[in-house]
Amino acid sequence: MQHLSVAGESLLIGDEVADCLVRYAAHLGRTGGADDVAVRALGVDGEEVRLHLLLNAGVTLVAESTESLLPEPDNAEALASMRTRISAFELPDQDF
């Protein structure tokens, strides 16, 4: 689990989805793009919440490790979607 800080909020989110969000936001920042992403997280009370994030060059995301033993929210769909979008930025290897 990681603490995800965005827009003055700090929530708990799974390691994979936190890393993927930061990576996707970096790709969008480099290209001047923007996108909205919906993920599940745990609020300060430990209850599951749904985040709808706008990612663009002006958004600051901070993901930091935590030793939380709470179960990670299911973000399989969000991860698959972000990975597909990230792969669109990556060029296939070319032989020169």
N, C-alpha and C. Protein backbone atom coordinates (compact mmCIF):
# COMPACT_ATOMS: atom_id res chain seq x y z
N MET A 1 0.84 -1.18 0.00
CA MET A 1 0.00 0.00 0.00
C MET A 1 0.89 1.24 0.00
N GLN A 2 0.32 2.32 -0.53
CA GLN A 2 1.01 3.60 -0.55
C GLN A 2 0.01 4.70 -0.20
N HIS A 3 0.54 5.77 0.38
CA HIS A 3 -0.25 6.99 0.56
C HIS A 3 -0.19 7.74 -0.76
N LEU A 4 -1.34 8.08 -1.29
CA LEU A 4 -1.40 8.91 -2.50
C LEU A 4 -1.90 10.28 -2.07
N SER A 5 -1.10 11.30 -2.31
CA SER A 5 -1.48 12.67 -1.97
C SER A 5 -1.76 13.43 -3.26
N VAL A 6 -2.94 14.01 -3.31
CA VAL A 6 -3.34 14.80 -4.47
C VAL A 6 -4.42 15.78 -4.02
N ALA A 7 -4.32 17.02 -4.46
CA ALA A 7 -5.31 18.06 -4.17
C ALA A 7 -5.61 18.17 -2.67
N GLY A 8 -4.56 18.07 -1.85
CA GLY A 8 -4.73 18.23 -0.42
C GLY A 8 -5.29 17.02 0.30
N GLU A 9 -5.53 15.95 -0.41
CA GLU A 9 -6.05 14.72 0.19
C GLU A 9 -4.95 13.67 0.23
N SER A 10 -4.99 12.81 1.24
CA SER A 10 -4.07 11.68 1.32
C SER A 10 -4.89 10.43 1.55
N LEU A 11 -4.75 9.49 0.63
CA LEU A 11 -5.53 8.26 0.68
C LEU A 11 -4.60 7.07 0.54
N LEU A 12 -5.07 5.90 0.96
CA LEU A 12 -4.30 4.68 0.78
C LEU A 12 -4.72 4.01 -0.52
N ILE A 13 -3.73 3.55 -1.26
CA ILE A 13 -3.99 2.94 -2.56
C ILE A 13 -2.96 1.83 -2.77
N GLY A 14 -3.30 0.84 -3.55
CA GLY A 14 -2.40 -0.28 -3.81
C GLY A 14 -1.12 0.15 -4.49
N ASP A 15 -0.06 -0.61 -4.27
CA ASP A 15 1.26 -0.29 -4.84
C ASP A 15 1.23 -0.20 -6.36
N GLU A 16 0.66 -1.21 -7.00
CA GLU A 16 0.65 -1.23 -8.47
C GLU A 16 -0.08 -0.04 -9.06
N VAL A 17 -1.25 0.27 -8.51
CA VAL A 17 -2.04 1.36 -9.08
C VAL A 17 -1.38 2.71 -8.79
N ALA A 18 -0.75 2.85 -7.63
CA ALA A 18 -0.04 4.10 -7.32
C ALA A 18 1.11 4.32 -8.31
N ASP A 19 1.90 3.28 -8.53
CA ASP A 19 3.01 3.38 -9.48
C ASP A 19 2.52 3.68 -10.89
N CYS A 20 1.43 3.02 -11.28
CA CYS A 20 0.88 3.21 -12.62
C CYS A 20 0.32 4.63 -12.79
N LEU A 21 -0.34 5.15 -11.77
CA LEU A 21 -0.86 6.52 -11.83
C LEU A 21 0.27 7.53 -12.03
N VAL A 22 1.34 7.38 -11.27
CA VAL A 22 2.47 8.31 -11.38
C VAL A 22 3.10 8.19 -12.77
N ARG A 23 3.27 6.97 -13.24
CA ARG A 23 3.86 6.76 -14.57
C ARG A 23 2.98 7.36 -15.67
N TYR A 24 1.67 7.13 -15.57
CA TYR A 24 0.75 7.66 -16.57
C TYR A 24 0.73 9.18 -16.54
N ALA A 25 0.71 9.76 -15.33
CA ALA A 25 0.73 11.22 -15.20
C ALA A 25 2.00 11.80 -15.82
N ALA A 26 3.13 11.10 -15.64
CA ALA A 26 4.39 11.57 -16.23
C ALA A 26 4.31 11.57 -17.76
N HIS A 27 3.75 10.51 -18.33
CA HIS A 27 3.58 10.46 -19.79
C HIS A 27 2.69 11.60 -20.28
N LEU A 28 1.59 11.83 -19.58
CA LEU A 28 0.69 12.91 -19.98
C LEU A 28 1.37 14.27 -19.86
N GLY A 29 2.16 14.45 -18.80
CA GLY A 29 2.88 15.70 -18.62
C GLY A 29 3.88 15.97 -19.73
N ARG A 30 4.58 14.92 -20.17
CA ARG A 30 5.56 15.07 -21.24
C ARG A 30 4.92 15.45 -22.57
N THR A 31 3.71 14.97 -22.79
CA THR A 31 3.05 15.20 -24.08
C THR A 31 2.07 16.37 -24.05
N GLY A 32 1.87 16.95 -22.87
CA GLY A 32 0.90 18.04 -22.76
C GLY A 32 -0.53 17.55 -22.80
N GLY A 33 -0.73 16.27 -22.56
CA GLY A 33 -2.07 15.69 -22.59
C GLY A 33 -2.77 15.76 -21.25
N ALA A 34 -3.99 15.28 -21.24
CA ALA A 34 -4.78 15.21 -20.02
C ALA A 34 -5.72 14.01 -20.13
N ASP A 35 -6.10 13.46 -19.00
CA ASP A 35 -7.04 12.34 -18.98
C ASP A 35 -7.67 12.27 -17.60
N ASP A 36 -8.80 11.59 -17.54
CA ASP A 36 -9.42 11.34 -16.25
C ASP A 36 -9.34 9.84 -15.98
N VAL A 37 -9.08 9.50 -14.71
CA VAL A 37 -8.92 8.11 -14.30
C VAL A 37 -9.72 7.89 -13.03
N ALA A 38 -10.45 6.80 -12.98
CA ALA A 38 -11.21 6.44 -11.78
C ALA A 38 -10.54 5.25 -11.11
N VAL A 39 -10.23 5.37 -9.81
CA VAL A 39 -9.61 4.30 -9.04
C VAL A 39 -10.28 4.21 -7.68
N ARG A 40 -10.08 3.06 -7.04
CA ARG A 40 -10.57 2.87 -5.67
C ARG A 40 -9.42 3.06 -4.70
N ALA A 41 -9.73 3.64 -3.54
CA ALA A 41 -8.72 3.89 -2.51
C ALA A 41 -9.39 3.71 -1.15
N LEU A 42 -8.60 3.84 -0.09
CA LEU A 42 -9.12 3.81 1.26
C LEU A 42 -8.97 5.20 1.86
N GLY A 43 -10.07 5.71 2.42
CA GLY A 43 -10.05 7.02 3.05
C GLY A 43 -9.40 6.96 4.42
N VAL A 44 -9.34 8.10 5.10
CA VAL A 44 -8.71 8.18 6.42
C VAL A 44 -9.40 7.30 7.45
N ASP A 45 -10.67 6.99 7.22
CA ASP A 45 -11.42 6.13 8.14
C ASP A 45 -11.30 4.65 7.78
N GLY A 46 -10.54 4.32 6.74
CA GLY A 46 -10.36 2.94 6.32
C GLY A 46 -11.45 2.43 5.40
N GLU A 47 -12.43 3.26 5.11
CA GLU A 47 -13.52 2.88 4.20
C GLU A 47 -13.08 3.08 2.76
N GLU A 48 -13.59 2.21 1.88
CA GLU A 48 -13.26 2.33 0.46
C GLU A 48 -13.96 3.54 -0.15
N VAL A 49 -13.21 4.29 -0.94
CA VAL A 49 -13.75 5.45 -1.65
C VAL A 49 -13.37 5.31 -3.12
N ARG A 50 -14.09 6.01 -3.96
CA ARG A 50 -13.80 6.01 -5.39
C ARG A 50 -13.28 7.39 -5.76
N LEU A 51 -12.10 7.43 -6.36
CA LEU A 51 -11.48 8.69 -6.79
C LEU A 51 -11.67 8.85 -8.28
N HIS A 52 -11.97 10.04 -8.67
CA HIS A 52 -12.01 10.39 -10.10
C HIS A 52 -10.97 11.48 -10.25
N LEU A 53 -9.82 11.12 -10.82
CA LEU A 53 -8.68 12.03 -10.91
C LEU A 53 -8.52 12.61 -12.30
N LEU A 54 -8.24 13.89 -12.36
CA LEU A 54 -7.84 14.54 -13.60
C LEU A 54 -6.32 14.56 -13.60
N LEU A 55 -5.72 13.94 -14.59
CA LEU A 55 -4.27 13.93 -14.72
C LEU A 55 -3.87 14.83 -15.87
N ASN A 56 -2.96 15.77 -15.59
CA ASN A 56 -2.40 16.64 -16.63
C ASN A 56 -1.07 17.20 -16.12
N ALA A 57 -0.45 18.04 -16.89
CA ALA A 57 0.87 18.57 -16.53
C ALA A 57 0.84 19.39 -15.24
N GLY A 58 -0.30 19.92 -14.84
CA GLY A 58 -0.38 20.76 -13.66
C GLY A 58 -0.72 20.02 -12.37
N VAL A 59 -0.94 18.73 -12.44
CA VAL A 59 -1.33 17.96 -11.26
C VAL A 59 -0.09 17.36 -10.61
N THR A 60 0.00 17.54 -9.29
CA THR A 60 1.10 16.95 -8.54
C THR A 60 0.58 15.74 -7.77
N LEU A 61 1.13 14.58 -8.07
CA LEU A 61 0.81 13.35 -7.34
C LEU A 61 2.03 12.97 -6.52
N VAL A 62 1.79 12.58 -5.27
CA VAL A 62 2.87 12.08 -4.43
C VAL A 62 2.44 10.71 -3.92
N ALA A 63 3.25 9.70 -4.18
CA ALA A 63 2.97 8.35 -3.69
C ALA A 63 4.12 7.95 -2.77
N GLU A 64 3.78 7.63 -1.53
CA GLU A 64 4.82 7.25 -0.57
C GLU A 64 4.44 5.94 0.11
N SER A 65 5.45 5.17 0.48
CA SER A 65 5.21 3.85 1.06
C SER A 65 4.57 3.96 2.44
N THR A 66 3.89 2.90 2.80
CA THR A 66 3.29 2.79 4.12
C THR A 66 3.35 1.34 4.55
N GLU A 67 3.26 1.10 5.82
CA GLU A 67 3.27 -0.27 6.35
C GLU A 67 1.85 -0.75 6.66
N SER A 68 0.85 -0.14 6.07
CA SER A 68 -0.53 -0.50 6.33
C SER A 68 -0.79 -1.97 6.02
N LEU A 69 -1.55 -2.61 6.88
CA LEU A 69 -1.93 -4.01 6.68
C LEU A 69 -3.34 -4.15 6.13
N LEU A 70 -3.98 -3.02 5.82
CA LEU A 70 -5.33 -3.07 5.25
C LEU A 70 -5.28 -3.69 3.86
N PRO A 71 -6.34 -4.39 3.47
CA PRO A 71 -6.37 -4.98 2.12
C PRO A 71 -6.48 -3.89 1.05
N GLU A 72 -5.76 -4.10 -0.05
CA GLU A 72 -5.80 -3.13 -1.15
C GLU A 72 -7.14 -3.19 -1.87
N PRO A 73 -7.69 -2.04 -2.24
CA PRO A 73 -8.91 -2.03 -3.05
C PRO A 73 -8.64 -2.65 -4.42
N ASP A 74 -9.66 -3.23 -5.02
CA ASP A 74 -9.54 -3.84 -6.34
C ASP A 74 -9.50 -2.77 -7.42
N ASN A 75 -8.39 -2.68 -8.11
CA ASN A 75 -8.23 -1.71 -9.19
C ASN A 75 -7.79 -2.38 -10.49
N ALA A 76 -8.19 -3.64 -10.67
CA ALA A 76 -7.77 -4.39 -11.86
C ALA A 76 -8.20 -3.69 -13.15
N GLU A 77 -9.43 -3.21 -13.20
CA GLU A 77 -9.91 -2.54 -14.42
C GLU A 77 -9.16 -1.24 -14.68
N ALA A 78 -8.95 -0.46 -13.64
CA ALA A 78 -8.23 0.81 -13.79
C ALA A 78 -6.79 0.56 -14.24
N LEU A 79 -6.15 -0.46 -13.66
CA LEU A 79 -4.78 -0.80 -14.05
C LEU A 79 -4.71 -1.20 -15.52
N ALA A 80 -5.62 -2.06 -15.94
CA ALA A 80 -5.63 -2.50 -17.35
C ALA A 80 -5.82 -1.31 -18.28
N SER A 81 -6.73 -0.42 -17.93
CA SER A 81 -7.00 0.74 -18.76
C SER A 81 -5.78 1.66 -18.84
N MET A 82 -5.16 1.95 -17.70
CA MET A 82 -3.98 2.83 -17.71
C MET A 82 -2.82 2.20 -18.46
N ARG A 83 -2.62 0.90 -18.29
CA ARG A 83 -1.52 0.23 -19.00
C ARG A 83 -1.72 0.29 -20.50
N THR A 84 -2.97 0.13 -20.94
CA THR A 84 -3.27 0.24 -22.37
C THR A 84 -2.96 1.65 -22.87
N ARG A 85 -3.36 2.65 -22.09
CA ARG A 85 -3.11 4.04 -22.48
C ARG A 85 -1.63 4.36 -22.48
N ILE A 86 -0.90 3.84 -21.48
CA ILE A 86 0.55 4.08 -21.42
C ILE A 86 1.23 3.45 -22.62
N SER A 87 0.81 2.26 -23.00
CA SER A 87 1.46 1.58 -24.13
C SER A 87 1.30 2.36 -25.43
N ALA A 88 0.27 3.18 -25.52
CA ALA A 88 0.08 4.02 -26.71
C ALA A 88 1.19 5.07 -26.84
N PHE A 89 1.82 5.44 -25.70
CA PHE A 89 2.90 6.42 -25.72
C PHE A 89 4.23 5.80 -26.11
N GLU A 90 4.35 4.50 -25.89
CA GLU A 90 5.63 3.83 -26.09
C GLU A 90 5.75 3.32 -27.51
N LEU A 91 6.84 3.65 -28.14
CA LEU A 91 7.10 3.21 -29.51
C LEU A 91 7.71 1.82 -29.49
N PRO A 92 7.34 0.99 -30.44
CA PRO A 92 7.97 -0.33 -30.50
C PRO A 92 9.45 -0.20 -30.85
N ASP A 93 10.23 -1.18 -30.41
CA ASP A 93 11.66 -1.18 -30.74
C ASP A 93 11.84 -1.26 -32.25
N GLN A 94 12.77 -0.50 -32.75
CA GLN A 94 13.04 -0.50 -34.19
C GLN A 94 14.50 -0.87 -34.42
N ASP A 95 14.74 -1.63 -35.46
CA ASP A 95 16.11 -1.97 -35.84
C ASP A 95 16.66 -0.86 -36.72
N PHE A 96 17.86 -0.40 -36.40
CA PHE A 96 18.49 0.64 -37.19
C PHE A 96 19.70 0.09 -37.89
